[in-house]
């Protein structure tokens, strides 16, 4: 594992220019990798597609909907029971059904508004932006500074630092879902 400095560019021509500049600065071609990063959610990490095996925000939705539906059903049944003289014996049943539906919708709304952060903070920090990325493995602080200078002079945006391994021009352990450490 080594430190990797990576920068985003808009166009492939800019990547080609940055690659030449990194080569001119003394970096080996085998330690430079460039590729396209797909937009969040489109990395096809799982067999069925996508980046996650289930929706990240839906971890507790089943439990919340059941609680909201049960509470709404009880409240609806009570209101329906009060209307028995007008609606007859169907009142509590209809009240419970309407209450369960409204309660489940309300609980979903409350869970959405809560917006609790995930343990890894992935839903609180912006994900890695999509686009062309060029990365170079560096061995020490001097090489890191040289790589930063080259990428900045070429107009790189969202320059980041990561740990990983680039060999043969391929960043083998790149994780598109990891949170970038911007410099």
N, C-alpha and C. Protein backbone atom coordinates (compact mmCIF):
# COMPACT_ATOMS: atom_id res chain seq x y z
N UNK A 1 0.84 -1.18 0.00
CA UNK A 1 0.00 0.00 0.00
C UNK A 1 0.88 1.23 0.00
N UNK A 2 0.44 2.21 -0.74
CA UNK A 2 1.15 3.48 -0.76
C UNK A 2 0.14 4.61 -0.79
N UNK A 3 0.64 5.81 -0.61
CA UNK A 3 -0.23 6.98 -0.70
C UNK A 3 -0.51 7.25 -2.16
N UNK A 4 -1.76 7.58 -2.45
CA UNK A 4 -2.17 7.88 -3.82
C UNK A 4 -2.77 9.28 -3.83
N UNK A 5 -2.32 10.06 -4.79
CA UNK A 5 -2.86 11.40 -5.01
C UNK A 5 -3.65 11.33 -6.31
N UNK A 6 -4.90 11.78 -6.27
CA UNK A 6 -5.79 11.67 -7.44
C UNK A 6 -6.50 12.99 -7.67
N UNK A 7 -6.73 13.30 -8.92
CA UNK A 7 -7.45 14.52 -9.28
C UNK A 7 -8.46 14.26 -10.37
N UNK A 8 -9.54 15.02 -10.33
CA UNK A 8 -10.62 14.88 -11.31
C UNK A 8 -10.45 15.90 -12.44
N UNK A 9 -10.75 15.43 -13.63
CA UNK A 9 -10.76 16.29 -14.81
C UNK A 9 -12.05 16.06 -15.56
N UNK A 10 -12.41 17.02 -16.39
CA UNK A 10 -13.65 16.92 -17.15
C UNK A 10 -13.47 16.12 -18.44
N UNK A 11 -12.33 16.28 -19.09
CA UNK A 11 -12.15 15.71 -20.42
C UNK A 11 -11.00 14.71 -20.47
N UNK A 12 -11.07 13.79 -21.41
CA UNK A 12 -10.00 12.82 -21.59
C UNK A 12 -8.71 13.49 -22.06
N UNK A 13 -8.82 14.54 -22.85
CA UNK A 13 -7.63 15.27 -23.28
C UNK A 13 -6.87 15.85 -22.08
N UNK A 14 -7.63 16.33 -21.10
CA UNK A 14 -6.99 16.87 -19.89
C UNK A 14 -6.27 15.77 -19.12
N UNK A 15 -6.86 14.58 -19.10
CA UNK A 15 -6.22 13.43 -18.46
C UNK A 15 -4.93 13.08 -19.18
N UNK A 16 -4.96 13.09 -20.51
CA UNK A 16 -3.77 12.77 -21.30
C UNK A 16 -2.66 13.79 -21.03
N UNK A 17 -3.02 15.08 -20.95
CA UNK A 17 -2.04 16.12 -20.65
C UNK A 17 -1.46 15.93 -19.24
N UNK A 18 -2.33 15.61 -18.28
CA UNK A 18 -1.87 15.41 -16.90
C UNK A 18 -0.95 14.19 -16.82
N UNK A 19 -1.27 13.13 -17.56
CA UNK A 19 -0.42 11.93 -17.57
C UNK A 19 0.97 12.29 -18.10
N UNK A 20 1.04 13.03 -19.21
CA UNK A 20 2.33 13.45 -19.76
C UNK A 20 3.11 14.32 -18.77
N UNK A 21 2.40 15.21 -18.09
CA UNK A 21 3.06 16.08 -17.11
C UNK A 21 3.60 15.26 -15.94
N UNK A 22 2.85 14.26 -15.50
CA UNK A 22 3.33 13.40 -14.41
C UNK A 22 4.54 12.59 -14.86
N UNK A 23 4.52 12.10 -16.09
CA UNK A 23 5.68 11.37 -16.62
C UNK A 23 6.90 12.30 -16.71
N UNK A 24 6.70 13.54 -17.17
CA UNK A 24 7.78 14.51 -17.25
C UNK A 24 8.33 14.86 -15.87
N UNK A 25 7.46 14.76 -14.83
CA UNK A 25 7.89 15.06 -13.46
C UNK A 25 8.62 13.89 -12.82
N UNK A 26 8.76 12.78 -13.56
CA UNK A 26 9.54 11.66 -13.06
C UNK A 26 8.76 10.48 -12.49
N UNK A 27 7.44 10.49 -12.62
CA UNK A 27 6.64 9.37 -12.13
C UNK A 27 6.61 8.27 -13.18
N UNK A 28 6.74 7.04 -12.75
CA UNK A 28 6.73 5.89 -13.66
C UNK A 28 5.32 5.65 -14.20
N UNK A 29 5.24 5.28 -15.45
CA UNK A 29 3.95 5.03 -16.09
C UNK A 29 3.14 3.96 -15.37
N UNK A 30 3.83 2.98 -14.79
CA UNK A 30 3.12 1.89 -14.10
C UNK A 30 2.50 2.34 -12.79
N UNK A 31 2.91 3.53 -12.30
CA UNK A 31 2.37 4.04 -11.03
C UNK A 31 1.32 5.14 -11.25
N UNK A 32 0.87 5.27 -12.50
CA UNK A 32 -0.15 6.25 -12.86
C UNK A 32 -1.36 5.49 -13.40
N UNK A 33 -2.54 5.85 -12.91
CA UNK A 33 -3.78 5.19 -13.36
C UNK A 33 -4.81 6.26 -13.69
N UNK A 34 -5.53 6.06 -14.78
CA UNK A 34 -6.62 6.99 -15.11
C UNK A 34 -7.83 6.18 -15.57
N UNK A 35 -8.99 6.65 -15.18
CA UNK A 35 -10.23 5.93 -15.49
C UNK A 35 -11.41 6.83 -15.21
N UNK A 36 -12.59 6.37 -15.61
CA UNK A 36 -13.83 7.11 -15.39
C UNK A 36 -14.51 6.57 -14.13
N UNK A 37 -14.95 7.48 -13.28
CA UNK A 37 -15.69 7.11 -12.07
C UNK A 37 -17.17 7.35 -12.36
N UNK A 38 -17.97 6.31 -12.26
CA UNK A 38 -19.42 6.42 -12.50
C UNK A 38 -20.08 7.26 -11.41
N UNK A 39 -21.26 7.81 -11.70
CA UNK A 39 -22.00 8.55 -10.68
C UNK A 39 -22.39 7.64 -9.51
N UNK A 40 -22.60 8.21 -8.32
CA UNK A 40 -23.01 7.40 -7.17
C UNK A 40 -24.26 6.58 -7.50
N UNK A 41 -24.25 5.34 -7.07
CA UNK A 41 -25.37 4.44 -7.31
C UNK A 41 -25.25 3.64 -8.58
N UNK A 42 -24.24 3.94 -9.41
CA UNK A 42 -24.11 3.26 -10.70
C UNK A 42 -22.80 2.51 -10.84
N UNK A 43 -22.26 2.03 -9.73
CA UNK A 43 -20.98 1.33 -9.79
C UNK A 43 -21.12 -0.17 -10.00
N UNK A 44 -22.34 -0.67 -9.98
CA UNK A 44 -22.60 -2.08 -10.26
C UNK A 44 -21.78 -3.01 -9.35
N UNK A 45 -21.74 -2.65 -8.07
CA UNK A 45 -20.98 -3.44 -7.10
C UNK A 45 -21.68 -4.78 -6.83
N UNK A 46 -23.01 -4.77 -6.86
CA UNK A 46 -23.78 -5.98 -6.58
C UNK A 46 -24.32 -6.59 -7.86
N UNK A 47 -24.58 -7.87 -7.82
CA UNK A 47 -25.02 -8.61 -9.00
C UNK A 47 -26.27 -8.00 -9.64
N UNK A 48 -27.18 -7.53 -8.80
CA UNK A 48 -28.41 -6.94 -9.32
C UNK A 48 -28.22 -5.47 -9.70
N UNK A 49 -27.01 -4.94 -9.53
CA UNK A 49 -26.71 -3.56 -9.88
C UNK A 49 -26.68 -2.68 -8.65
N UNK A 50 -26.17 -1.51 -8.81
CA UNK A 50 -26.12 -0.53 -7.73
C UNK A 50 -24.92 -0.69 -6.83
N UNK A 51 -24.88 0.17 -5.80
CA UNK A 51 -23.75 0.23 -4.87
C UNK A 51 -24.04 -0.42 -3.53
N UNK A 52 -25.30 -0.69 -3.25
CA UNK A 52 -25.68 -1.23 -1.95
C UNK A 52 -26.65 -2.39 -2.15
N UNK A 53 -26.65 -3.33 -1.20
CA UNK A 53 -27.57 -4.46 -1.32
C UNK A 53 -29.00 -4.06 -0.97
N UNK A 54 -29.16 -2.95 -0.27
CA UNK A 54 -30.49 -2.39 -0.01
C UNK A 54 -30.34 -0.88 0.12
N UNK A 55 -31.43 -0.19 0.07
CA UNK A 55 -31.40 1.27 0.16
C UNK A 55 -30.81 1.68 1.51
N UNK A 56 -29.74 2.51 1.49
CA UNK A 56 -29.07 2.87 2.75
C UNK A 56 -29.99 3.53 3.76
N UNK A 57 -30.99 4.27 3.32
CA UNK A 57 -31.87 4.96 4.25
C UNK A 57 -33.05 4.15 4.73
N UNK A 58 -33.16 2.90 4.29
CA UNK A 58 -34.34 2.11 4.58
C UNK A 58 -34.10 1.03 5.63
N UNK A 59 -33.07 1.17 6.44
CA UNK A 59 -32.72 0.12 7.40
C UNK A 59 -33.84 -0.16 8.41
N UNK A 60 -34.47 0.88 8.91
CA UNK A 60 -35.48 0.69 9.95
C UNK A 60 -36.89 1.01 9.46
N UNK A 61 -37.10 1.08 8.15
CA UNK A 61 -38.41 1.49 7.65
C UNK A 61 -39.49 0.46 7.96
N UNK A 62 -39.18 -0.84 7.90
CA UNK A 62 -40.20 -1.85 8.21
C UNK A 62 -40.74 -1.67 9.62
N UNK A 63 -39.81 -1.56 10.58
CA UNK A 63 -40.21 -1.40 11.98
C UNK A 63 -41.00 -0.12 12.18
N UNK A 64 -40.54 0.97 11.57
CA UNK A 64 -41.22 2.26 11.72
C UNK A 64 -42.62 2.25 11.13
N UNK A 65 -42.78 1.63 9.97
CA UNK A 65 -44.09 1.58 9.33
C UNK A 65 -45.04 0.73 10.16
N UNK A 66 -44.57 -0.38 10.71
CA UNK A 66 -45.43 -1.23 11.54
C UNK A 66 -45.87 -0.47 12.79
N UNK A 67 -44.95 0.22 13.44
CA UNK A 67 -45.33 0.99 14.63
C UNK A 67 -46.34 2.08 14.28
N UNK A 68 -46.06 2.81 13.20
CA UNK A 68 -46.98 3.87 12.79
C UNK A 68 -48.33 3.33 12.39
N UNK A 69 -48.31 2.20 11.66
CA UNK A 69 -49.57 1.59 11.25
C UNK A 69 -50.38 1.09 12.42
N UNK A 70 -49.72 0.47 13.39
CA UNK A 70 -50.42 -0.05 14.57
C UNK A 70 -51.02 1.09 15.38
N UNK A 71 -50.24 2.13 15.59
CA UNK A 71 -50.75 3.29 16.35
C UNK A 71 -51.93 3.91 15.62
N UNK A 72 -51.80 4.08 14.31
CA UNK A 72 -52.89 4.64 13.52
C UNK A 72 -54.13 3.77 13.53
N UNK A 73 -53.92 2.45 13.50
CA UNK A 73 -55.06 1.53 13.50
C UNK A 73 -55.84 1.63 14.81
N UNK A 74 -55.12 1.69 15.93
CA UNK A 74 -55.79 1.81 17.23
C UNK A 74 -56.55 3.13 17.30
N UNK A 75 -55.89 4.23 16.90
CA UNK A 75 -56.57 5.52 16.94
C UNK A 75 -57.77 5.53 16.01
N UNK A 76 -57.62 4.96 14.82
CA UNK A 76 -58.73 4.91 13.87
C UNK A 76 -59.88 4.06 14.38
N UNK A 77 -59.58 2.94 15.04
CA UNK A 77 -60.62 2.07 15.58
C UNK A 77 -61.39 2.79 16.68
N UNK A 78 -60.69 3.56 17.52
CA UNK A 78 -61.35 4.32 18.59
C UNK A 78 -62.29 5.36 17.99
N UNK A 79 -61.79 6.09 16.99
CA UNK A 79 -62.63 7.09 16.35
C UNK A 79 -63.81 6.39 15.65
N UNK A 80 -63.53 5.28 14.98
CA UNK A 80 -64.59 4.54 14.30
C UNK A 80 -65.63 4.02 15.28
N UNK A 81 -65.18 3.59 16.47
CA UNK A 81 -66.12 3.11 17.48
C UNK A 81 -67.04 4.23 17.96
N UNK A 82 -66.49 5.44 18.01
CA UNK A 82 -67.32 6.57 18.43
C UNK A 82 -68.38 6.91 17.40
N UNK A 83 -68.17 6.49 16.17
CA UNK A 83 -69.13 6.80 15.11
C UNK A 83 -70.10 5.65 14.82
N UNK A 84 -70.14 4.64 15.70
CA UNK A 84 -71.04 3.49 15.48
C UNK A 84 -72.50 3.92 15.31
N UNK A 85 -72.97 4.92 16.08
CA UNK A 85 -74.39 5.31 15.87
C UNK A 85 -74.66 5.83 14.45
N UNK A 86 -73.62 6.40 13.80
CA UNK A 86 -73.80 6.95 12.45
C UNK A 86 -73.41 5.91 11.38
N UNK A 87 -72.26 5.27 11.57
CA UNK A 87 -71.73 4.38 10.53
C UNK A 87 -72.07 2.92 10.73
N UNK A 88 -72.54 2.58 11.89
CA UNK A 88 -72.87 1.19 12.16
C UNK A 88 -71.63 0.39 12.54
N UNK A 89 -71.73 -0.94 12.49
CA UNK A 89 -70.62 -1.78 12.93
C UNK A 89 -69.39 -1.72 12.03
N UNK A 90 -69.50 -1.12 10.86
CA UNK A 90 -68.37 -1.02 9.94
C UNK A 90 -67.42 0.11 10.37
N UNK A 91 -67.87 1.03 11.17
CA UNK A 91 -67.10 2.21 11.58
C UNK A 91 -65.73 1.89 12.16
N UNK A 92 -65.64 1.00 13.16
CA UNK A 92 -64.33 0.70 13.74
C UNK A 92 -63.37 0.04 12.74
N UNK A 93 -63.91 -0.80 11.84
CA UNK A 93 -63.06 -1.47 10.85
C UNK A 93 -62.51 -0.46 9.86
N UNK A 94 -63.39 0.39 9.32
CA UNK A 94 -62.94 1.41 8.37
C UNK A 94 -62.00 2.38 9.06
N UNK A 95 -62.32 2.76 10.28
CA UNK A 95 -61.45 3.67 11.04
C UNK A 95 -60.07 3.08 11.25
N UNK A 96 -60.03 1.79 11.58
CA UNK A 96 -58.74 1.13 11.79
C UNK A 96 -57.93 1.09 10.49
N UNK A 97 -58.57 0.77 9.38
CA UNK A 97 -57.87 0.72 8.10
C UNK A 97 -57.33 2.08 7.68
N UNK A 98 -58.17 3.10 7.77
CA UNK A 98 -57.73 4.45 7.41
C UNK A 98 -56.64 4.91 8.38
N UNK A 99 -56.82 4.64 9.66
CA UNK A 99 -55.81 5.02 10.66
C UNK A 99 -54.48 4.34 10.43
N UNK A 100 -54.50 3.05 10.08
CA UNK A 100 -53.26 2.32 9.81
C UNK A 100 -52.54 2.92 8.61
N UNK A 101 -53.28 3.25 7.58
CA UNK A 101 -52.67 3.83 6.38
C UNK A 101 -52.05 5.20 6.70
N UNK A 102 -52.80 6.05 7.33
CA UNK A 102 -52.30 7.39 7.68
C UNK A 102 -51.12 7.28 8.65
N UNK A 103 -51.20 6.38 9.61
CA UNK A 103 -50.11 6.20 10.58
C UNK A 103 -48.83 5.73 9.93
N UNK A 104 -48.94 4.81 8.96
CA UNK A 104 -47.73 4.33 8.29
C UNK A 104 -47.11 5.43 7.43
N UNK A 105 -47.93 6.22 6.76
CA UNK A 105 -47.40 7.33 5.96
C UNK A 105 -46.73 8.37 6.85
N UNK A 106 -47.36 8.66 7.97
CA UNK A 106 -46.79 9.64 8.91
C UNK A 106 -45.45 9.14 9.46
N UNK A 107 -45.36 7.86 9.79
CA UNK A 107 -44.10 7.34 10.33
C UNK A 107 -42.99 7.38 9.29
N UNK A 108 -43.31 7.12 8.02
CA UNK A 108 -42.30 7.24 6.96
C UNK A 108 -41.81 8.68 6.86
N UNK A 109 -42.73 9.62 6.94
CA UNK A 109 -42.36 11.03 6.87
C UNK A 109 -41.45 11.41 8.03
N UNK A 110 -41.78 10.95 9.23
CA UNK A 110 -40.96 11.27 10.41
C UNK A 110 -39.57 10.65 10.31
N UNK A 111 -39.48 9.42 9.79
CA UNK A 111 -38.16 8.78 9.63
C UNK A 111 -37.33 9.53 8.61
N UNK A 112 -37.97 9.99 7.55
CA UNK A 112 -37.25 10.74 6.52
C UNK A 112 -36.71 12.04 7.10
N UNK A 113 -37.52 12.70 7.90
CA UNK A 113 -37.11 13.98 8.49
C UNK A 113 -36.02 13.80 9.54
N UNK A 114 -35.98 12.64 10.19
CA UNK A 114 -34.98 12.41 11.25
C UNK A 114 -33.58 12.45 10.67
N UNK A 115 -33.36 11.79 9.54
CA UNK A 115 -32.08 11.83 8.85
C UNK A 115 -30.89 11.48 9.72
N UNK A 116 -30.99 10.42 10.48
CA UNK A 116 -29.88 10.03 11.34
C UNK A 116 -28.68 9.60 10.50
N UNK A 117 -27.48 9.98 10.91
CA UNK A 117 -26.30 9.60 10.13
C UNK A 117 -25.98 8.11 10.25
N UNK A 118 -25.48 7.55 9.14
CA UNK A 118 -24.99 6.17 9.17
C UNK A 118 -23.73 6.12 10.01
N UNK A 119 -23.38 4.94 10.50
CA UNK A 119 -22.20 4.78 11.36
C UNK A 119 -20.92 5.25 10.67
N UNK A 120 -20.81 5.01 9.36
CA UNK A 120 -19.60 5.42 8.64
C UNK A 120 -19.68 6.86 8.13
N UNK A 121 -20.80 7.54 8.36
CA UNK A 121 -20.95 8.93 7.93
C UNK A 121 -21.22 9.09 6.45
N UNK A 122 -21.47 7.99 5.74
CA UNK A 122 -21.61 8.05 4.28
C UNK A 122 -22.82 8.86 3.82
N UNK A 123 -23.84 9.00 4.66
CA UNK A 123 -24.98 9.79 4.24
C UNK A 123 -24.89 11.24 4.70
N UNK A 124 -23.80 11.61 5.34
CA UNK A 124 -23.61 12.98 5.79
C UNK A 124 -22.53 13.71 5.00
N UNK A 125 -21.68 12.99 4.31
CA UNK A 125 -20.60 13.58 3.54
C UNK A 125 -20.87 13.32 2.07
N UNK A 126 -20.55 14.30 1.25
CA UNK A 126 -20.78 14.15 -0.18
C UNK A 126 -19.96 12.99 -0.74
N UNK A 127 -20.56 12.17 -1.60
CA UNK A 127 -19.81 11.05 -2.18
C UNK A 127 -18.80 11.56 -3.20
N UNK A 128 -17.96 10.67 -3.66
CA UNK A 128 -16.97 11.01 -4.69
C UNK A 128 -17.72 11.41 -5.95
N UNK A 129 -17.28 12.48 -6.57
CA UNK A 129 -17.93 12.96 -7.78
C UNK A 129 -17.56 12.07 -8.96
N UNK A 130 -18.47 12.00 -9.91
CA UNK A 130 -18.18 11.21 -11.10
C UNK A 130 -17.33 12.03 -12.06
N UNK A 131 -16.71 11.34 -13.00
CA UNK A 131 -15.89 12.01 -14.00
C UNK A 131 -14.56 11.30 -14.18
N UNK A 132 -13.70 11.88 -14.97
CA UNK A 132 -12.38 11.33 -15.25
C UNK A 132 -11.48 11.56 -14.04
N UNK A 133 -10.75 10.51 -13.67
CA UNK A 133 -9.87 10.57 -12.51
C UNK A 133 -8.49 10.07 -12.92
N UNK A 134 -7.45 10.80 -12.50
CA UNK A 134 -6.09 10.33 -12.70
C UNK A 134 -5.46 10.23 -11.32
N UNK A 135 -4.74 9.15 -11.09
CA UNK A 135 -4.15 8.89 -9.79
C UNK A 135 -2.69 8.50 -9.97
N UNK A 136 -1.87 8.87 -8.98
CA UNK A 136 -0.46 8.52 -9.02
C UNK A 136 -0.03 8.06 -7.63
N UNK A 137 0.70 6.96 -7.58
CA UNK A 137 1.22 6.45 -6.31
C UNK A 137 2.51 7.20 -5.99
N UNK A 138 2.62 7.68 -4.75
CA UNK A 138 3.81 8.43 -4.32
C UNK A 138 4.46 7.70 -3.15
N UNK A 139 5.78 7.88 -3.04
CA UNK A 139 6.53 7.19 -1.99
C UNK A 139 6.82 8.03 -0.77
N UNK A 140 6.87 9.35 -0.95
CA UNK A 140 7.23 10.22 0.18
C UNK A 140 6.59 11.59 0.02
N UNK A 141 6.85 12.46 0.99
CA UNK A 141 6.23 13.79 1.00
C UNK A 141 6.67 14.64 -0.19
N UNK A 142 7.93 14.48 -0.60
CA UNK A 142 8.42 15.26 -1.74
C UNK A 142 7.68 14.88 -3.02
N UNK A 143 7.50 13.57 -3.25
CA UNK A 143 6.75 13.13 -4.43
C UNK A 143 5.29 13.57 -4.34
N UNK A 144 4.74 13.54 -3.15
CA UNK A 144 3.35 13.98 -2.98
C UNK A 144 3.20 15.44 -3.37
N UNK A 145 4.13 16.28 -2.92
CA UNK A 145 4.08 17.70 -3.26
C UNK A 145 4.24 17.91 -4.77
N UNK A 146 5.13 17.15 -5.39
CA UNK A 146 5.35 17.26 -6.83
C UNK A 146 4.08 16.85 -7.59
N UNK A 147 3.44 15.76 -7.15
CA UNK A 147 2.20 15.32 -7.79
C UNK A 147 1.09 16.37 -7.63
N UNK A 148 0.98 16.94 -6.44
CA UNK A 148 -0.02 17.99 -6.20
C UNK A 148 0.21 19.19 -7.11
N UNK A 149 1.47 19.60 -7.23
CA UNK A 149 1.79 20.75 -8.08
C UNK A 149 1.41 20.48 -9.54
N UNK A 150 1.76 19.29 -10.03
CA UNK A 150 1.45 18.94 -11.42
C UNK A 150 -0.06 18.94 -11.64
N UNK A 151 -0.80 18.30 -10.75
CA UNK A 151 -2.25 18.21 -10.93
C UNK A 151 -2.91 19.59 -10.83
N UNK A 152 -2.44 20.40 -9.89
CA UNK A 152 -3.02 21.76 -9.76
C UNK A 152 -2.71 22.61 -10.97
N UNK A 153 -1.48 22.53 -11.47
CA UNK A 153 -1.11 23.31 -12.65
C UNK A 153 -1.93 22.91 -13.87
N UNK A 154 -2.32 21.66 -13.94
CA UNK A 154 -3.12 21.16 -15.06
C UNK A 154 -4.61 21.42 -14.87
N UNK A 155 -5.00 21.96 -13.71
CA UNK A 155 -6.41 22.31 -13.48
C UNK A 155 -7.26 21.22 -12.87
N UNK A 156 -6.65 20.28 -12.17
CA UNK A 156 -7.42 19.21 -11.52
C UNK A 156 -8.35 19.79 -10.47
N UNK A 157 -9.52 19.20 -10.37
CA UNK A 157 -10.49 19.58 -9.33
C UNK A 157 -10.64 18.42 -8.36
N UNK A 158 -11.06 18.73 -7.18
CA UNK A 158 -11.32 17.71 -6.16
C UNK A 158 -10.13 16.75 -6.02
N UNK A 159 -8.97 17.31 -5.74
CA UNK A 159 -7.78 16.49 -5.55
C UNK A 159 -7.92 15.79 -4.20
N UNK A 160 -7.63 14.51 -4.19
CA UNK A 160 -7.81 13.71 -2.98
C UNK A 160 -6.59 12.85 -2.69
N UNK A 161 -6.50 12.43 -1.42
CA UNK A 161 -5.44 11.52 -0.97
C UNK A 161 -6.11 10.23 -0.54
N UNK A 162 -5.49 9.12 -0.91
CA UNK A 162 -6.03 7.80 -0.54
C UNK A 162 -4.87 6.86 -0.30
N UNK A 163 -5.20 5.71 0.22
CA UNK A 163 -4.22 4.62 0.38
C UNK A 163 -4.64 3.50 -0.55
N UNK A 164 -3.65 2.91 -1.20
CA UNK A 164 -3.97 1.82 -2.10
C UNK A 164 -2.73 1.38 -2.85
N UNK A 165 -2.97 0.65 -3.93
CA UNK A 165 -1.84 0.18 -4.72
C UNK A 165 -2.17 0.32 -6.21
N UNK A 166 -1.24 0.94 -6.91
CA UNK A 166 -1.32 1.07 -8.35
C UNK A 166 -0.18 0.24 -8.91
N UNK A 167 -0.53 -0.71 -9.74
CA UNK A 167 0.52 -1.50 -10.39
C UNK A 167 0.10 -1.75 -11.83
N UNK A 168 1.04 -1.63 -12.71
CA UNK A 168 0.74 -1.82 -14.12
C UNK A 168 -0.25 -0.82 -14.66
N UNK A 169 -0.31 0.37 -14.05
CA UNK A 169 -1.24 1.40 -14.50
C UNK A 169 -2.68 1.18 -14.07
N UNK A 170 -2.90 0.29 -13.09
CA UNK A 170 -4.26 -0.01 -12.64
C UNK A 170 -4.34 0.15 -11.13
N UNK A 171 -5.29 0.98 -10.67
CA UNK A 171 -5.53 1.15 -9.23
C UNK A 171 -6.42 -0.02 -8.82
N UNK A 172 -5.80 -1.09 -8.38
CA UNK A 172 -6.48 -2.37 -8.17
C UNK A 172 -7.48 -2.36 -7.02
N UNK A 173 -7.21 -1.61 -5.97
CA UNK A 173 -8.10 -1.64 -4.81
C UNK A 173 -8.93 -0.36 -4.68
N UNK A 174 -9.18 0.32 -5.79
CA UNK A 174 -10.00 1.53 -5.77
C UNK A 174 -11.43 1.18 -5.40
N UNK A 175 -11.97 1.92 -4.44
CA UNK A 175 -13.35 1.73 -4.01
C UNK A 175 -14.14 2.98 -4.36
N UNK A 176 -15.00 2.93 -5.37
CA UNK A 176 -15.74 4.12 -5.77
C UNK A 176 -16.69 4.63 -4.69
N UNK A 177 -17.04 3.78 -3.74
CA UNK A 177 -17.95 4.19 -2.67
C UNK A 177 -17.25 4.76 -1.45
N UNK A 178 -15.92 4.71 -1.43
CA UNK A 178 -15.20 5.26 -0.27
C UNK A 178 -15.36 6.76 -0.25
N UNK A 179 -15.29 7.33 0.94
CA UNK A 179 -15.42 8.77 1.07
C UNK A 179 -14.08 9.42 0.77
N UNK A 180 -14.04 10.37 -0.17
CA UNK A 180 -12.77 10.98 -0.55
C UNK A 180 -12.22 11.89 0.55
N UNK A 181 -10.90 11.89 0.68
CA UNK A 181 -10.21 12.80 1.61
C UNK A 181 -9.64 13.91 0.72
N UNK A 182 -10.37 15.01 0.63
CA UNK A 182 -9.97 16.10 -0.26
C UNK A 182 -8.82 16.90 0.33
N UNK A 183 -7.93 17.34 -0.55
CA UNK A 183 -6.78 18.16 -0.13
C UNK A 183 -7.02 19.61 -0.47
